[in-house]
Amino acid sequence: MKAILHAAIVFLIVASCSPASEPAQKTAAPFEFNKQIGWLHGPCLAIAAPELAGGTPVTLVVAAEPQKVQQARIQGKTESSATCPALMEGRGKLNAKPGIAFYALGAADVAPSDMGFGIVMPPATPTVVNGIAQIDFDQDGKNEVFSSCSTREGIKFAGVTTKAESVRVIGKVDFSSHPHISGMPTT
C-alpha cells in the first residue's frame, strides 16, 4: 500500500512539473468583404448583410478630404428616405438591389450629404495616414485604402491594396462580387 501511495505522489509531482500543452491557436475567420463592407450615404448604410442586429457596431470611413474614421451602431433596417438619403425618390430604385439591406445608423456625426464606407466587425480600426484611411483587412501585411469619385451615374467606390509603407498600388482587393464596390484596376 505504501508503494502505491509513493508511486501516486511521484506521479503527481512529475505531472505538475511537466510543461502544459500549448493552447490551440485561434485563427480569425477570414474577412468577408462582401458582407462586412457597405457604402454609406448620410446616416444610412447599404450592405449585402440582411441580418444585422440593432446595436451592431460599425466603423465608418467618411470620404471627405481628409477622410474621417468614426464609430456608429446599427439602429435597425430602414426603407425610409427620411432616414436613408440613398432611398430618396429617383435614387431608391437604382440603389435598392436584390440582397442589399439599408440600415439607419446612430451615434455618429455624419451629415446627410456625407458619403463613404461602413465596416462591420473590422479586424482593427482604420488609421488615417496623409488624409487617407487604411486598414489591413485580411492581415497579409498590406493595407487597403478607400476611394470614391462622382460620376454622371453616381458615386463610384473602390478599395485598393497598398504596401504598408507607401500608397503605391500593388494589387487588387477582391470586391469583384460586391454589389456596390469595385476594385480599381492596378499596375
Protein backbone atom coordinates (compact mmCIF):
# COMPACT_ATOMS: atom_id res chain seq x y z
CA MET A 1 0.00 0.00 0.00
CA LYS A 2 2.89 2.34 0.86
CA ALA A 3 4.42 1.62 -2.56
CA ILE A 4 1.21 2.58 -4.35
CA LEU A 5 0.91 5.80 -2.32
CA HIS A 6 4.58 6.61 -3.01
CA ALA A 7 4.08 5.98 -6.77
CA ALA A 8 0.97 8.18 -6.79
CA ILE A 9 2.85 11.04 -5.08
CA VAL A 10 5.76 10.76 -7.54
CA PHE A 11 3.30 10.74 -10.46
CA LEU A 12 1.55 13.88 -9.17
CA ILE A 13 4.88 15.69 -8.69
CA VAL A 14 6.06 14.77 -12.19
CA ALA A 15 2.70 15.65 -13.75
CA SER A 16 2.55 19.02 -12.01
CA CYS A 17 6.08 19.90 -13.13
CA SER A 18 5.61 18.92 -16.77
CA PRO A 19 5.08 21.77 -19.20
CA ALA A 20 1.44 22.29 -20.05
CA SER A 21 0.43 21.62 -23.59
CA GLU A 22 0.25 24.73 -25.77
CA PRO A 23 -3.26 26.16 -26.08
CA ALA A 24 -4.75 25.79 -29.53
CA GLN A 25 -4.10 28.81 -31.73
CA LYS A 26 -7.31 30.59 -32.61
CA THR A 27 -7.46 31.55 -36.23
CA ALA A 28 -9.59 34.52 -37.10
CA ALA A 29 -12.38 33.94 -39.55
CA PRO A 30 -11.50 35.34 -42.96
CA PHE A 31 -12.78 38.84 -43.58
CA GLU A 32 -15.88 38.67 -45.78
CA PHE A 33 -15.54 41.80 -47.92
CA ASN A 34 -18.99 41.46 -49.49
CA LYS A 35 -20.84 41.07 -46.18
CA GLN A 36 -18.71 43.27 -43.94
CA ILE A 37 -18.23 46.38 -46.11
CA GLY A 38 -21.02 48.54 -47.40
CA TRP A 39 -21.43 52.06 -48.64
CA LEU A 40 -22.60 54.99 -46.64
CA HIS A 41 -24.87 57.88 -47.62
CA GLY A 42 -25.54 60.13 -44.66
CA PRO A 43 -26.56 58.16 -41.56
CA CYS A 44 -27.54 55.13 -43.67
CA LEU A 45 -25.54 52.01 -44.52
CA ALA A 46 -26.26 49.88 -47.62
CA ILE A 47 -24.70 46.43 -47.29
CA ALA A 48 -25.16 42.85 -48.50
CA ALA A 49 -25.85 41.62 -44.96
CA PRO A 50 -29.61 41.37 -44.42
CA GLU A 51 -29.46 40.07 -40.84
CA LEU A 52 -27.52 42.73 -38.89
CA ALA A 53 -29.00 43.30 -35.44
CA GLY A 54 -29.72 46.63 -33.84
CA GLY A 55 -26.73 47.74 -31.77
CA THR A 56 -24.16 46.11 -34.10
CA PRO A 57 -21.05 48.34 -34.13
CA VAL A 58 -19.98 49.78 -37.48
CA THR A 59 -16.75 51.62 -38.27
CA LEU A 60 -17.32 54.42 -40.76
CA VAL A 61 -14.82 55.87 -43.22
CA VAL A 62 -16.23 59.19 -44.39
CA ALA A 63 -14.85 60.02 -47.84
CA ALA A 64 -14.03 63.64 -47.09
CA GLU A 65 -10.69 65.38 -47.50
CA PRO A 66 -9.11 64.28 -45.27
CA GLN A 67 -11.02 61.06 -44.72
CA LYS A 68 -12.50 60.60 -41.25
CA VAL A 69 -12.99 57.44 -39.20
CA GLN A 70 -15.97 57.31 -36.86
CA GLN A 71 -17.86 54.72 -34.84
CA ALA A 72 -21.61 54.12 -35.13
CA ARG A 73 -24.18 51.46 -34.33
CA ILE A 74 -26.95 49.92 -36.38
CA GLN A 75 -30.31 51.25 -35.18
CA GLY A 76 -32.29 48.94 -37.44
CA LYS A 77 -33.31 48.26 -41.02
CA THR A 78 -34.94 51.09 -42.88
CA GLU A 79 -36.90 51.59 -46.07
CA SER A 80 -37.49 55.27 -45.36
CA SER A 81 -35.97 58.01 -47.48
CA ALA A 82 -36.30 60.27 -44.42
CA THR A 83 -33.63 58.26 -42.59
CA CYS A 84 -31.79 57.00 -45.66
CA PRO A 85 -30.89 59.51 -48.41
CA ALA A 86 -29.93 56.62 -50.70
CA LEU A 87 -33.63 55.70 -50.85
CA MET A 88 -34.85 59.14 -51.96
CA GLU A 89 -37.17 59.28 -54.95
CA GLY A 90 -35.15 58.78 -58.13
CA ARG A 91 -32.29 57.11 -56.24
CA GLY A 92 -34.11 54.38 -54.36
CA LYS A 93 -34.89 52.27 -57.42
CA LEU A 94 -31.26 52.44 -58.57
CA ASN A 95 -29.79 51.71 -55.14
CA ALA A 96 -32.20 49.06 -53.85
CA LYS A 97 -30.74 45.96 -55.47
CA PRO A 98 -31.55 42.36 -54.55
CA GLY A 99 -29.62 41.22 -51.49
CA ILE A 100 -28.87 44.74 -50.26
CA ALA A 101 -30.21 45.90 -46.90
CA PHE A 102 -30.38 49.51 -45.73
CA TYR A 103 -29.72 50.33 -42.07
CA ALA A 104 -30.21 53.55 -40.11
CA LEU A 105 -27.10 54.39 -38.10
CA GLY A 106 -26.95 56.03 -34.70
CA ALA A 107 -24.30 57.73 -32.57
CA ALA A 108 -22.28 59.05 -35.49
CA ASP A 109 -21.58 62.63 -36.52
CA VAL A 110 -22.50 62.07 -40.16
CA ALA A 111 -24.07 64.80 -42.30
CA PRO A 112 -26.89 63.81 -44.67
CA SER A 113 -24.61 64.54 -47.64
CA ASP A 114 -21.61 62.53 -46.35
CA MET A 115 -20.58 59.53 -48.43
CA GLY A 116 -18.21 56.72 -47.54
CA PHE A 117 -17.84 53.17 -46.32
CA GLY A 118 -19.23 51.22 -43.38
CA ILE A 119 -17.26 48.27 -41.99
CA VAL A 120 -18.93 45.68 -39.76
CA MET A 121 -16.54 43.97 -37.34
CA PRO A 122 -13.25 45.13 -38.86
CA PRO A 123 -10.12 43.27 -37.67
CA ALA A 124 -8.79 46.65 -36.43
CA THR A 125 -9.77 50.30 -36.51
CA PRO A 126 -8.64 52.07 -39.69
CA THR A 127 -6.00 54.75 -39.23
CA VAL A 128 -5.78 57.95 -41.25
CA VAL A 129 -2.35 58.49 -42.80
CA ASN A 130 -1.78 61.50 -45.04
CA GLY A 131 -5.54 62.08 -45.16
CA ILE A 132 -6.40 58.53 -46.29
CA ALA A 133 -7.93 55.82 -44.08
CA GLN A 134 -6.16 52.48 -44.28
CA ILE A 135 -6.58 49.06 -42.72
CA ASP A 136 -5.23 45.55 -43.29
CA PHE A 137 -8.48 43.59 -43.62
CA ASP A 138 -7.01 40.19 -44.45
CA GLN A 139 -3.97 40.56 -42.16
CA ASP A 140 -1.48 39.99 -45.01
CA GLY A 141 0.73 42.96 -44.11
CA LYS A 142 -0.69 45.13 -46.92
CA ASN A 143 -3.09 47.95 -46.10
CA GLU A 144 -6.27 48.51 -48.02
CA VAL A 145 -7.34 52.11 -48.66
CA PHE A 146 -10.64 53.64 -49.74
CA SER A 147 -11.53 55.99 -52.55
CA SER A 148 -14.63 57.34 -54.22
CA CYS A 149 -15.41 59.68 -57.08
CA SER A 150 -18.52 61.30 -58.51
CA THR A 151 -19.69 60.37 -62.00
CA ARG A 152 -22.79 61.14 -64.02
CA GLU A 153 -24.09 57.72 -62.97
CA GLY A 154 -23.49 58.37 -59.26
CA ILE A 155 -20.71 57.73 -56.78
CA LYS A 156 -18.14 55.03 -57.53
CA PHE A 157 -16.50 53.42 -54.51
CA ALA A 158 -13.24 51.49 -54.68
CA GLY A 159 -10.75 49.76 -52.44
CA VAL A 160 -7.14 49.05 -53.30
CA THR A 161 -4.28 47.23 -51.61
CA THR A 162 -1.10 49.13 -50.89
CA LYS A 163 2.30 48.42 -49.46
CA ALA A 164 2.22 49.08 -45.75
CA GLU A 165 4.84 51.81 -46.04
CA SER A 166 3.56 53.65 -49.10
CA VAL A 167 0.46 54.31 -51.16
CA ARG A 168 1.79 52.72 -54.35
CA VAL A 169 -0.87 50.31 -55.58
CA ILE A 170 0.45 46.74 -55.77
CA GLY A 171 -2.66 44.62 -56.06
CA LYS A 172 -6.41 44.48 -56.17
CA VAL A 173 -8.77 43.87 -53.27
CA ASP A 174 -11.34 41.31 -54.30
CA PHE A 175 -14.50 43.38 -54.48
CA SER A 176 -15.40 41.65 -57.76
CA SER A 177 -18.70 40.27 -56.50
CA HIS A 178 -19.59 43.18 -54.22
CA PRO A 179 -22.76 44.87 -55.50
CA HIS A 180 -21.61 48.45 -54.90
CA ILE A 181 -17.82 48.47 -54.52
CA SER A 182 -15.49 47.65 -57.35
CA GLY A 183 -11.76 47.04 -57.18
CA MET A 184 -9.76 49.61 -59.06
CA PRO A 185 -7.50 48.31 -61.81
CA THR A 186 -3.93 48.26 -60.56
CA THR A 187 -0.50 48.06 -62.14
